[in-house]
Amino acid sequence: MITDLLAQEYNLGIALTLREYPKALDSSSMQPSDWLRIAQDIDAAYHQFDGFIILHGTDTLAWTAAALHWQLSQIDKPVVITGSQRPWLELGSDAPANFQLALDAVQSQRHAVMVAFNGLLLPGYAVKKLDADADAAFAAPNWQGEWSSVTPGEYLFSPLNPSLNILSIKLYPGCEAWLASSINSQVFAAIAIETYGSGNIPEHFLFKSALKNAVQAGSLIINCSQCIRGQVRQGHYAAGSFLQEINALAAARLTIEAATTWLYTALAQKTDHDSLRKAWQTATHMV
């Protein structure tokens, strides 16, 4: 099918090398080690190709896109991730159009980690899967429409550490006691929390105590909003002041996917919290 697409007049001149992993993996089974493997393979072949396309299942595509964005820092070549909602050979499949969009993107002058889907080209760090059925499965609801500028020659490969003990959680009413117990049961390198609204948490003694204990044990905490749009304004309301007091990092407009994958990458490069906070401030200004 790909060969047929390359034979089209508007694709002539493209020399495409296809590399497949030995085992096909449903994207719902992807692990941080797989994010690392893809990034390592791109870095190893960086000088051999003008651009890269990753064919990926849709369930965790947003996570892989964000993970590649952080690892392939300031990349000055196009890296395009795409997939489809239906198999290529199924009647009416969106796969051919998505792959053609990826081919167009990889020939463009835009140098970034991008997601190509349903006619849209979106930055990898801002993408979320919003629909399990429709062709328009992905969007970047908090993205302001501006692409980050890249200075040629500043590409830096920053491999993540898949063995880091990182907790990513979503609050819901009634979770506080067991969540506190879970947090207290082990030491996490970092915790990313999807809080309510603009970054608020419940008034619950055990839960707040557990978070405070985690920080004192060295955990880095990122405060993300459960809302699809809008930003975290930590401390704007009384319910968010506690996270401000324990120096949690506010995610601003970044997604939980972006925050969690950033932690896997940033903590692999730095350990002191001052450096991490400065790096986080730079990251949040992209959206």
C-alpha atoms as a PDB file:
ATOM      1  CA  MET A   1       0.000   0.000   0.000  1.00  0.00           C
ATOM      2  CA  ILE A   2       2.828   2.403   0.809  1.00  0.00           C
ATOM      3  CA  THR A   3       4.542   1.573  -2.483  1.00  0.00           C
ATOM      4  CA  ASP A   4       1.349   2.485  -4.346  1.00  0.00           C
ATOM      5  CA  LEU A   5       1.238   5.842  -2.584  1.00  0.00           C
ATOM      6  CA  LEU A   6       4.866   6.582  -3.418  1.00  0.00           C
ATOM      7  CA  ALA A   7       4.079   5.934  -7.089  1.00  0.00           C
ATOM      8  CA  GLN A   8       1.672   8.886  -7.132  1.00  0.00           C
ATOM      9  CA  GLU A   9       2.907  11.910  -9.049  1.00  0.00           C
ATOM     10  CA  TYR A  10       3.037  14.204  -6.021  1.00  0.00           C
ATOM     11  CA  ASN A  11       5.198  11.692  -4.109  1.00  0.00           C
ATOM     12  CA  LEU A  12       7.783  11.053  -6.823  1.00  0.00           C
ATOM     13  CA  GLY A  13      11.324  11.580  -5.627  1.00  0.00           C
ATOM     14  CA  ILE A  14      10.719  10.283  -2.122  1.00  0.00           C
ATOM     15  CA  ALA A  15      13.063   7.468  -1.140  1.00  0.00           C
ATOM     16  CA  LEU A  16      11.472   5.719   1.823  1.00  0.00           C
ATOM     17  CA  THR A  17      13.153   3.147   4.038  1.00  0.00           C
ATOM     18  CA  LEU A  18      10.758   1.003   6.056  1.00  0.00           C
ATOM     19  CA  ARG A  19      11.915  -0.448   9.357  1.00  0.00           C
ATOM     20  CA  GLU A  20       9.674  -2.740  11.357  1.00  0.00           C
ATOM     21  CA  TYR A  21      10.056  -3.998  14.895  1.00  0.00           C
ATOM     22  CA  PRO A  22      10.067  -7.806  15.213  1.00  0.00           C
ATOM     23  CA  LYS A  23       6.857  -7.863  17.235  1.00  0.00           C
ATOM     24  CA  ALA A  24       3.735  -5.906  16.417  1.00  0.00           C
ATOM     25  CA  LEU A  25       2.569  -4.111  19.549  1.00  0.00           C
ATOM     26  CA  ASP A  26      -0.883  -2.748  20.269  1.00  0.00           C
ATOM     27  CA  SER A  27      -0.375   0.812  21.437  1.00  0.00           C
ATOM     28  CA  SER A  28      -2.332   0.115  24.622  1.00  0.00           C
ATOM     29  CA  SER A  29       0.614  -2.085  25.624  1.00  0.00           C
ATOM     30  CA  MET A  30       3.257   0.608  25.041  1.00  0.00           C
ATOM     31  CA  GLN A  31       5.676   1.234  27.893  1.00  0.00           C
ATOM     32  CA  PRO A  32       8.217   4.007  28.614  1.00  0.00           C
ATOM     33  CA  SER A  33      10.886   1.603  27.361  1.00  0.00           C
ATOM     34  CA  ASP A  34       9.161   1.661  23.952  1.00  0.00           C
ATOM     35  CA  TRP A  35       9.221   5.474  23.909  1.00  0.00           C
ATOM     36  CA  LEU A  36      12.939   5.251  24.591  1.00  0.00           C
ATOM     37  CA  ARG A  37      13.523   2.653  21.877  1.00  0.00           C
ATOM     38  CA  ILE A  38      11.828   4.732  19.186  1.00  0.00           C
ATOM     39  CA  ALA A  39      13.787   7.840  20.200  1.00  0.00           C
ATOM     40  CA  GLN A  40      17.063   5.904  20.245  1.00  0.00           C
ATOM     41  CA  ASP A  41      16.391   4.535  16.759  1.00  0.00           C
ATOM     42  CA  ILE A  42      15.682   8.018  15.400  1.00  0.00           C
ATOM     43  CA  ASP A  43      18.794   9.419  17.038  1.00  0.00           C
ATOM     44  CA  ALA A  44      20.969   6.573  15.712  1.00  0.00           C
ATOM     45  CA  ALA A  45      19.723   7.224  12.156  1.00  0.00           C
ATOM     46  CA  TYR A  46      19.577  10.990  12.524  1.00  0.00           C
ATOM     47  CA  HIS A  47      22.210  11.798   9.879  1.00  0.00           C
ATOM     48  CA  GLN A  48      21.008   9.166   7.408  1.00  0.00           C
ATOM     49  CA  PHE A  49      17.560  10.623   6.707  1.00  0.00           C
ATOM     50  CA  ASP A  50      15.874  13.952   6.044  1.00  0.00           C
ATOM     51  CA  GLY A  51      12.856  13.075   8.161  1.00  0.00           C
ATOM     52  CA  PHE A  52      11.079  10.320  10.053  1.00  0.00           C
ATOM     53  CA  ILE A  53       7.560   8.862  10.082  1.00  0.00           C
ATOM     54  CA  ILE A  54       6.342   6.671  12.944  1.00  0.00           C
ATOM     55  CA  LEU A  55       3.326   4.424  12.326  1.00  0.00           C
ATOM     56  CA  HIS A  56       1.566   3.969  15.638  1.00  0.00           C
ATOM     57  CA  GLY A  57      -1.693   2.742  17.146  1.00  0.00           C
ATOM     58  CA  THR A  58      -3.973   5.523  18.279  1.00  0.00           C
ATOM     59  CA  ASP A  59      -4.700   4.595  21.915  1.00  0.00           C
ATOM     60  CA  THR A  60      -1.414   5.904  23.352  1.00  0.00           C
ATOM     61  CA  LEU A  61      -0.179   7.861  20.342  1.00  0.00           C
ATOM     62  CA  ALA A  62      -0.380  11.135  22.296  1.00  0.00           C
ATOM     63  CA  TRP A  63       1.895   9.727  25.006  1.00  0.00           C
ATOM     64  CA  THR A  64       4.520   8.605  22.498  1.00  0.00           C
ATOM     65  CA  ALA A  65       4.357  11.943  20.687  1.00  0.00           C
ATOM     66  CA  ALA A  66       4.994  13.865  23.912  1.00  0.00           C
ATOM     67  CA  ALA A  67       7.770  11.479  24.959  1.00  0.00           C
ATOM     68  CA  LEU A  68       9.528  11.915  21.609  1.00  0.00           C
ATOM     69  CA  HIS A  69       9.184  15.695  21.803  1.00  0.00           C
ATOM     70  CA  TRP A  70      11.102  15.855  25.089  1.00  0.00           C
ATOM     71  CA  GLN A  71      13.744  13.316  24.080  1.00  0.00           C
ATOM     72  CA  LEU A  72      14.451  14.765  20.627  1.00  0.00           C
ATOM     73  CA  SER A  73      15.062  18.242  21.977  1.00  0.00           C
ATOM     74  CA  GLN A  74      15.369  21.056  19.408  1.00  0.00           C
ATOM     75  CA  ILE A  75      15.310  18.551  16.558  1.00  0.00           C
ATOM     76  CA  ASP A  76      15.871  20.260  13.209  1.00  0.00           C
ATOM     77  CA  LYS A  77      14.236  17.576  11.098  1.00  0.00           C
ATOM     78  CA  PRO A  78      10.557  16.608  10.813  1.00  0.00           C
ATOM     79  CA  VAL A  79       9.393  13.678  12.949  1.00  0.00           C
ATOM     80  CA  VAL A  80       5.801  12.766  12.113  1.00  0.00           C
ATOM     81  CA  ILE A  81       3.599  10.299  13.982  1.00  0.00           C
ATOM     82  CA  THR A  82       0.451   8.971  12.400  1.00  0.00           C
ATOM     83  CA  GLY A  83      -1.947   6.049  12.489  1.00  0.00           C
ATOM     84  CA  SER A  84      -5.579   5.371  11.689  1.00  0.00           C
ATOM     85  CA  GLN A  85      -8.912   4.678  13.300  1.00  0.00           C
ATOM     86  CA  ARG A  86      -9.583   1.795  10.898  1.00  0.00           C
ATOM     87  CA  PRO A  87      -7.310  -0.757   9.161  1.00  0.00           C
ATOM     88  CA  TRP A  88      -5.773   0.345   5.875  1.00  0.00           C
ATOM     89  CA  LEU A  89      -7.602  -2.257   3.762  1.00  0.00           C
ATOM     90  CA  GLU A  90     -10.997  -1.600   5.322  1.00  0.00           C
ATOM     91  CA  LEU A  91     -13.418   0.223   3.031  1.00  0.00           C
ATOM     92  CA  GLY A  92     -13.323   3.946   3.767  1.00  0.00           C
ATOM     93  CA  SER A  93     -10.223   3.668   5.970  1.00  0.00           C
ATOM     94  CA  ASP A  94      -8.590   6.895   7.076  1.00  0.00           C
ATOM     95  CA  ALA A  95      -5.130   5.292   6.904  1.00  0.00           C
ATOM     96  CA  PRO A  96      -4.152   6.275   3.323  1.00  0.00           C
ATOM     97  CA  ALA A  97      -5.057   9.941   3.865  1.00  0.00           C
ATOM     98  CA  ASN A  98      -3.230  10.068   7.194  1.00  0.00           C
ATOM     99  CA  PHE A  99      -0.111   8.497   5.722  1.00  0.00           C
ATOM    100  CA  GLN A 100      -0.204  10.903   2.779  1.00  0.00           C
ATOM    101  CA  LEU A 101      -0.469  13.788   5.246  1.00  0.00           C
ATOM    102  CA  ALA A 102       2.582  12.409   7.056  1.00  0.00           C
ATOM    103  CA  LEU A 103       4.474  12.229   3.739  1.00  0.00           C
ATOM    104  CA  ASP A 104       3.575  15.855   3.037  1.00  0.00           C
ATOM    105  CA  ALA A 105       4.638  16.904   6.540  1.00  0.00           C
ATOM    106  CA  VAL A 106       7.964  15.108   6.395  1.00  0.00           C
ATOM    107  CA  GLN A 107       8.785  17.020   3.199  1.00  0.00           C
ATOM    108  CA  SER A 108       7.897  20.361   4.745  1.00  0.00           C
ATOM    109  CA  GLN A 109      10.218  22.895   6.301  1.00  0.00           C
ATOM    110  CA  ARG A 110       8.596  22.452   9.718  1.00  0.00           C
ATOM    111  CA  HIS A 111      11.082  20.814  12.062  1.00  0.00           C
ATOM    112  CA  ALA A 112       9.399  19.333  15.112  1.00  0.00           C
ATOM    113  CA  VAL A 113       7.772  16.223  16.506  1.00  0.00           C
ATOM    114  CA  MET A 114       4.316  16.343  14.937  1.00  0.00           C
ATOM    115  CA  VAL A 115       1.116  14.306  14.800  1.00  0.00           C
ATOM    116  CA  ALA A 116      -0.526  14.023  11.376  1.00  0.00           C
ATOM    117  CA  PHE A 117      -4.178  13.007  11.577  1.00  0.00           C
ATOM    118  CA  ASN A 118      -7.439  13.762   9.770  1.00  0.00           C
ATOM    119  CA  GLY A 119      -5.999  16.685   7.816  1.00  0.00           C
ATOM    120  CA  LEU A 120      -4.395  18.286  10.868  1.00  0.00           C
ATOM    121  CA  LEU A 121      -0.753  18.741  11.740  1.00  0.00           C
ATOM    122  CA  LEU A 122      -0.356  19.159  15.499  1.00  0.00           C
ATOM    123  CA  PRO A 123       2.614  19.558  17.883  1.00  0.00           C
ATOM    124  CA  GLY A 124       3.434  16.308  19.667  1.00  0.00           C
ATOM    125  CA  TYR A 125       3.582  17.874  23.130  1.00  0.00           C
ATOM    126  CA  ALA A 126       0.039  19.279  22.960  1.00  0.00           C
ATOM    127  CA  VAL A 127      -1.970  16.406  21.479  1.00  0.00           C
ATOM    128  CA  LYS A 128      -4.778  14.453  23.129  1.00  0.00           C
ATOM    129  CA  LYS A 129      -6.990  11.670  21.807  1.00  0.00           C
ATOM    130  CA  LEU A 130     -10.523  12.996  22.159  1.00  0.00           C
ATOM    131  CA  ASP A 131     -12.617  10.524  20.176  1.00  0.00           C
ATOM    132  CA  ALA A 132     -12.517   6.717  20.205  1.00  0.00           C
ATOM    133  CA  ASP A 133     -14.574   6.362  17.017  1.00  0.00           C
ATOM    134  CA  ALA A 134     -14.408   9.327  14.650  1.00  0.00           C
ATOM    135  CA  ASP A 135     -11.672  10.009  12.102  1.00  0.00           C
ATOM    136  CA  ALA A 136     -11.100  13.321  13.889  1.00  0.00           C
ATOM    137  CA  ALA A 137      -9.625  11.480  16.839  1.00  0.00           C
ATOM    138  CA  PHE A 138      -6.924  13.960  17.855  1.00  0.00           C
ATOM    139  CA  ALA A 139      -6.764  17.603  18.774  1.00  0.00           C
ATOM    140  CA  ALA A 140      -4.550  20.007  20.670  1.00  0.00           C
ATOM    141  CA  PRO A 141      -7.228  21.899  22.633  1.00  0.00           C
ATOM    142  CA  ASN A 142      -4.829  24.093  24.590  1.00  0.00           C
ATOM    143  CA  TRP A 143      -2.407  24.832  21.762  1.00  0.00           C
ATOM    144  CA  GLN A 144      -2.359  28.495  20.753  1.00  0.00           C
ATOM    145  CA  GLY A 145      -1.411  27.735  17.139  1.00  0.00           C
ATOM    146  CA  GLU A 146       2.223  28.830  17.212  1.00  0.00           C
ATOM    147  CA  TRP A 147       5.041  26.410  16.456  1.00  0.00           C
ATOM    148  CA  SER A 148       8.182  26.600  18.560  1.00  0.00           C
ATOM    149  CA  SER A 149      11.182  27.950  16.689  1.00  0.00           C
ATOM    150  CA  VAL A 150      14.183  25.669  16.220  1.00  0.00           C
ATOM    151  CA  THR A 151      17.754  26.825  15.787  1.00  0.00           C
ATOM    152  CA  PRO A 152      19.705  24.555  13.407  1.00  0.00           C
ATOM    153  CA  GLY A 153      22.530  22.699  15.101  1.00  0.00           C
ATOM    154  CA  GLU A 154      21.026  22.727  18.602  1.00  0.00           C
ATOM    155  CA  TYR A 155      19.526  19.232  18.454  1.00  0.00           C
ATOM    156  CA  LEU A 156      20.212  17.312  21.665  1.00  0.00           C
ATOM    157  CA  PHE A 157      19.205  13.729  22.332  1.00  0.00           C
ATOM    158  CA  SER A 158      17.888  13.450  25.898  1.00  0.00           C
ATOM    159  CA  PRO A 159      16.964   9.802  26.544  1.00  0.00           C
ATOM    160  CA  LEU A 160      14.346   9.151  29.191  1.00  0.00           C
ATOM    161  CA  ASN A 161      14.772   6.711  32.052  1.00  0.00           C
ATOM    162  CA  PRO A 162      11.999   4.070  31.838  1.00  0.00           C
ATOM    163  CA  SER A 163      12.861   2.639  35.263  1.00  0.00           C
ATOM    164  CA  LEU A 164      11.890   5.785  37.173  1.00  0.00           C
ATOM    165  CA  ASN A 165       9.111   5.274  39.708  1.00  0.00           C
ATOM    166  CA  ILE A 166       6.591   7.876  38.538  1.00  0.00           C
ATOM    167  CA  LEU A 167       2.941   8.024  39.542  1.00  0.00           C
ATOM    168  CA  SER A 168       0.354   9.623  37.266  1.00  0.00           C
ATOM    169  CA  ILE A 169      -3.103   9.870  38.821  1.00  0.00           C
ATOM    170  CA  LYS A 170      -6.526  11.407  38.240  1.00  0.00           C
ATOM    171  CA  LEU A 171      -8.531  12.587  41.216  1.00  0.00           C
ATOM    172  CA  TYR A 172     -12.166  11.665  41.706  1.00  0.00           C
ATOM    173  CA  PRO A 173     -14.465  12.181  44.695  1.00  0.00           C
ATOM    174  CA  GLY A 174     -13.887   9.374  47.189  1.00  0.00           C
ATOM    175  CA  CYS A 175     -10.352   8.446  46.141  1.00  0.00           C
ATOM    176  CA  GLU A 176      -8.541  10.399  48.846  1.00  0.00           C
ATOM    177  CA  ALA A 177      -8.027   7.793  51.594  1.00  0.00           C
ATOM    178  CA  TRP A 178      -6.807   4.907  49.460  1.00  0.00           C
ATOM    179  CA  LEU A 179      -4.727   7.267  47.329  1.00  0.00           C
ATOM    180  CA  ALA A 180      -3.059   8.626  50.454  1.00  0.00           C
ATOM    181  CA  SER A 181      -2.279   5.076  51.530  1.00  0.00           C
ATOM    182  CA  SER A 182      -0.802   4.282  48.130  1.00  0.00           C
ATOM    183  CA  ILE A 183       1.394   7.396  48.105  1.00  0.00           C
ATOM    184  CA  ASN A 184       2.626   6.636  51.615  1.00  0.00           C
ATOM    185  CA  SER A 185       3.448   3.025  50.712  1.00  0.00           C
ATOM    186  CA  GLN A 186       6.506   3.843  48.588  1.00  0.00           C
ATOM    187  CA  VAL A 187       8.801   6.625  47.447  1.00  0.00           C
ATOM    188  CA  PHE A 188       8.047   8.097  44.030  1.00  0.00           C
ATOM    189  CA  ALA A 189      10.541  10.074  41.995  1.00  0.00           C
ATOM    190  CA  ALA A 190       7.624  12.238  40.890  1.00  0.00           C
ATOM    191  CA  ILE A 191       3.832  12.434  40.923  1.00  0.00           C
ATOM    192  CA  ALA A 192       1.688  14.020  38.199  1.00  0.00           C
ATOM    193  CA  ILE A 193      -1.844  14.733  39.413  1.00  0.00           C
ATOM    194  CA  GLU A 194      -4.885  15.592  37.322  1.00  0.00           C
ATOM    195  CA  THR A 195      -6.648  17.910  39.735  1.00  0.00           C
ATOM    196  CA  TYR A 196     -10.024  19.649  39.517  1.00  0.00           C
ATOM    197  CA  GLY A 197     -10.675  22.843  37.577  1.00  0.00           C
ATOM    198  CA  SER A 198      -7.789  25.288  37.621  1.00  0.00           C
ATOM    199  CA  GLY A 199      -5.641  23.076  39.859  1.00  0.00           C
ATOM    200  CA  ASN A 200      -7.673  22.376  42.972  1.00  0.00           C
ATOM    201  CA  ILE A 201      -7.654  19.421  45.375  1.00  0.00           C
ATOM    202  CA  PRO A 202     -10.107  18.343  48.099  1.00  0.00           C
ATOM    203  CA  GLU A 203      -9.754  19.393  51.720  1.00  0.00           C
ATOM    204  CA  HIS A 204      -8.712  15.959  52.977  1.00  0.00           C
ATOM    205  CA  PHE A 205      -6.192  15.631  55.794  1.00  0.00           C
ATOM    206  CA  LEU A 206      -4.804  12.192  54.907  1.00  0.00           C
ATOM    207  CA  PHE A 207      -4.385  13.026  51.221  1.00  0.00           C
ATOM    208  CA  LYS A 208      -2.698  16.350  51.869  1.00  0.00           C
ATOM    209  CA  SER A 209      -0.444  14.776  54.486  1.00  0.00           C
ATOM    210  CA  ALA A 210       0.585  12.085  52.013  1.00  0.00           C
ATOM    211  CA  LEU A 211       1.501  14.681  49.398  1.00  0.00           C
ATOM    212  CA  LYS A 212       3.489  16.648  51.953  1.00  0.00           C
ATOM    213  CA  ASN A 213       5.324  13.485  53.021  1.00  0.00           C
ATOM    214  CA  ALA A 214       6.098  12.695  49.388  1.00  0.00           C
ATOM    215  CA  VAL A 215       7.627  16.122  48.826  1.00  0.00           C
ATOM    216  CA  GLN A 216       9.703  15.808  51.985  1.00  0.00           C
ATOM    217  CA  ALA A 217      10.930  12.434  50.694  1.00  0.00           C
ATOM    218  CA  GLY A 218      12.123  14.094  47.481  1.00  0.00           C
ATOM    219  CA  SER A 219       9.174  13.614  45.125  1.00  0.00           C
ATOM    220  CA  LEU A 220       8.531  16.244  42.485  1.00  0.00           C
ATOM    221  CA  ILE A 221       4.817  17.003  42.020  1.00  0.00           C
ATOM    222  CA  ILE A 222       3.171  18.422  38.897  1.00  0.00           C
ATOM    223  CA  ASN A 223      -0.340  19.833  39.097  1.00  0.00           C
ATOM    224  CA  CYS A 224      -2.346  19.256  35.876  1.00  0.00           C
ATOM    225  CA  SER A 225      -5.985  20.067  35.237  1.00  0.00           C
ATOM    226  CA  GLN A 226      -8.569  17.448  34.333  1.00  0.00           C
ATOM    227  CA  CYS A 227     -10.141  19.996  32.025  1.00  0.00           C
ATOM    228  CA  ILE A 228      -9.480  19.623  28.310  1.00  0.00           C
ATOM    229  CA  ARG A 229      -9.076  23.376  27.898  1.00  0.00           C
ATOM    230  CA  GLY A 230      -7.838  26.132  30.183  1.00  0.00           C
ATOM    231  CA  GLN A 231      -4.874  26.320  32.480  1.00  0.00           C
ATOM    232  CA  VAL A 232      -3.773  25.582  35.999  1.00  0.00           C
ATOM    233  CA  ARG A 233      -3.781  28.688  38.187  1.00  0.00           C
ATOM    234  CA  GLN A 234      -2.331  27.152  41.293  1.00  0.00           C
ATOM    235  CA  GLY A 235      -3.338  29.062  44.408  1.00  0.00           C
ATOM    236  CA  HIS A 236      -5.904  31.179  42.583  1.00  0.00           C
ATOM    237  CA  TYR A 237      -8.535  29.502  44.766  1.00  0.00           C
ATOM    238  CA  ALA A 238      -8.136  28.350  48.352  1.00  0.00           C
ATOM    239  CA  ALA A 239      -8.510  24.724  47.233  1.00  0.00           C
ATOM    240  CA  GLY A 240      -5.317  25.046  45.219  1.00  0.00           C
ATOM    241  CA  SER A 241      -3.239  26.913  47.785  1.00  0.00           C
ATOM    242  CA  PHE A 242      -1.902  23.758  49.448  1.00  0.00           C
ATOM    243  CA  LEU A 243      -0.176  22.610  46.271  1.00  0.00           C
ATOM    244  CA  GLN A 244       1.347  26.055  46.006  1.00  0.00           C
ATOM    245  CA  GLU A 245       2.572  25.774  49.604  1.00  0.00           C
ATOM    246  CA  ILE A 246       4.354  22.469  48.967  1.00  0.00           C
ATOM    247  CA  ASN A 247       5.949  23.887  45.791  1.00  0.00           C
ATOM    248  CA  ALA A 248       4.161  21.692  43.286  1.00  0.00           C
ATOM    249  CA  LEU A 249       4.846  22.637  39.677  1.00  0.00           C
ATOM    250  CA  ALA A 250       1.833  24.118  37.897  1.00  0.00           C
ATOM    251  CA  ALA A 251       1.269  22.584  34.454  1.00  0.00           C
ATOM    252  CA  ALA A 252      -0.263  25.753  33.003  1.00  0.00           C
ATOM    253  CA  ARG A 253      -1.774  24.476  29.708  1.00  0.00           C
ATOM    254  CA  LEU A 254       0.273  21.290  29.362  1.00  0.00           C
ATOM    255  CA  THR A 255      -1.504  17.939  29.300  1.00  0.00           C
ATOM    256  CA  ILE A 256      -1.026  15.027  31.679  1.00  0.00           C
ATOM    257  CA  GLU A 257       0.641  13.177  28.789  1.00  0.00           C
ATOM    258  CA  ALA A 258       3.148  15.995  28.361  1.00  0.00           C
ATOM    259  CA  ALA A 259       3.766  16.336  32.101  1.00  0.00           C
ATOM    260  CA  THR A 260       4.308  12.632  32.740  1.00  0.00           C
ATOM    261  CA  THR A 261       6.627  12.063  29.793  1.00  0.00           C
ATOM    262  CA  TRP A 262       8.545  15.237  30.700  1.00  0.00           C
ATOM    263  CA  LEU A 263       9.177  13.771  34.137  1.00  0.00           C
ATOM    264  CA  TYR A 264      10.600  10.559  32.669  1.00  0.00           C
ATOM    265  CA  THR A 265      12.921  12.637  30.505  1.00  0.00           C
ATOM    266  CA  ALA A 266      13.866  15.534  32.780  1.00  0.00           C
ATOM    267  CA  LEU A 267      14.554  13.377  35.843  1.00  0.00           C
ATOM    268  CA  ALA A 268      16.894  11.267  33.734  1.00  0.00           C
ATOM    269  CA  GLN A 269      19.015  14.380  33.081  1.00  0.00           C
ATOM    270  CA  LYS A 270      18.708  16.361  36.316  1.00  0.00           C
ATOM    271  CA  THR A 271      18.099  15.615  39.969  1.00  0.00           C
ATOM    272  CA  ASP A 272      18.223  18.963  41.773  1.00  0.00           C
ATOM    273  CA  HIS A 273      14.814  20.577  42.011  1.00  0.00           C
ATOM    274  CA  ASP A 274      15.987  24.107  41.198  1.00  0.00           C
ATOM    275  CA  SER A 275      17.223  23.020  37.761  1.00  0.00           C
ATOM    276  CA  LEU A 276      14.057  21.002  37.206  1.00  0.00           C
ATOM    277  CA  ARG A 277      11.865  23.987  38.068  1.00  0.00           C
ATOM    278  CA  LYS A 278      13.695  26.191  35.579  1.00  0.00           C
ATOM    279  CA  ALA A 279      13.369  23.517  32.892  1.00  0.00           C
ATOM    280  CA  TRP A 280       9.671  23.174  33.662  1.00  0.00           C
ATOM    281  CA  GLN A 281       9.092  26.902  33.318  1.00  0.00           C
ATOM    282  CA  THR A 282      10.611  26.730  29.821  1.00  0.00           C
ATOM    283  CA  ALA A 283       8.418  23.740  28.944  1.00  0.00           C
ATOM    284  CA  THR A 284       5.148  25.344  30.056  1.00  0.00           C
ATOM    285  CA  HIS A 285       5.770  28.451  27.957  1.00  0.00           C
ATOM    286  CA  MET A 286       5.464  26.427  24.742  1.00  0.00           C
ATOM    287  CA  VAL A 287       1.675  26.084  24.893  1.00  0.00           C
END
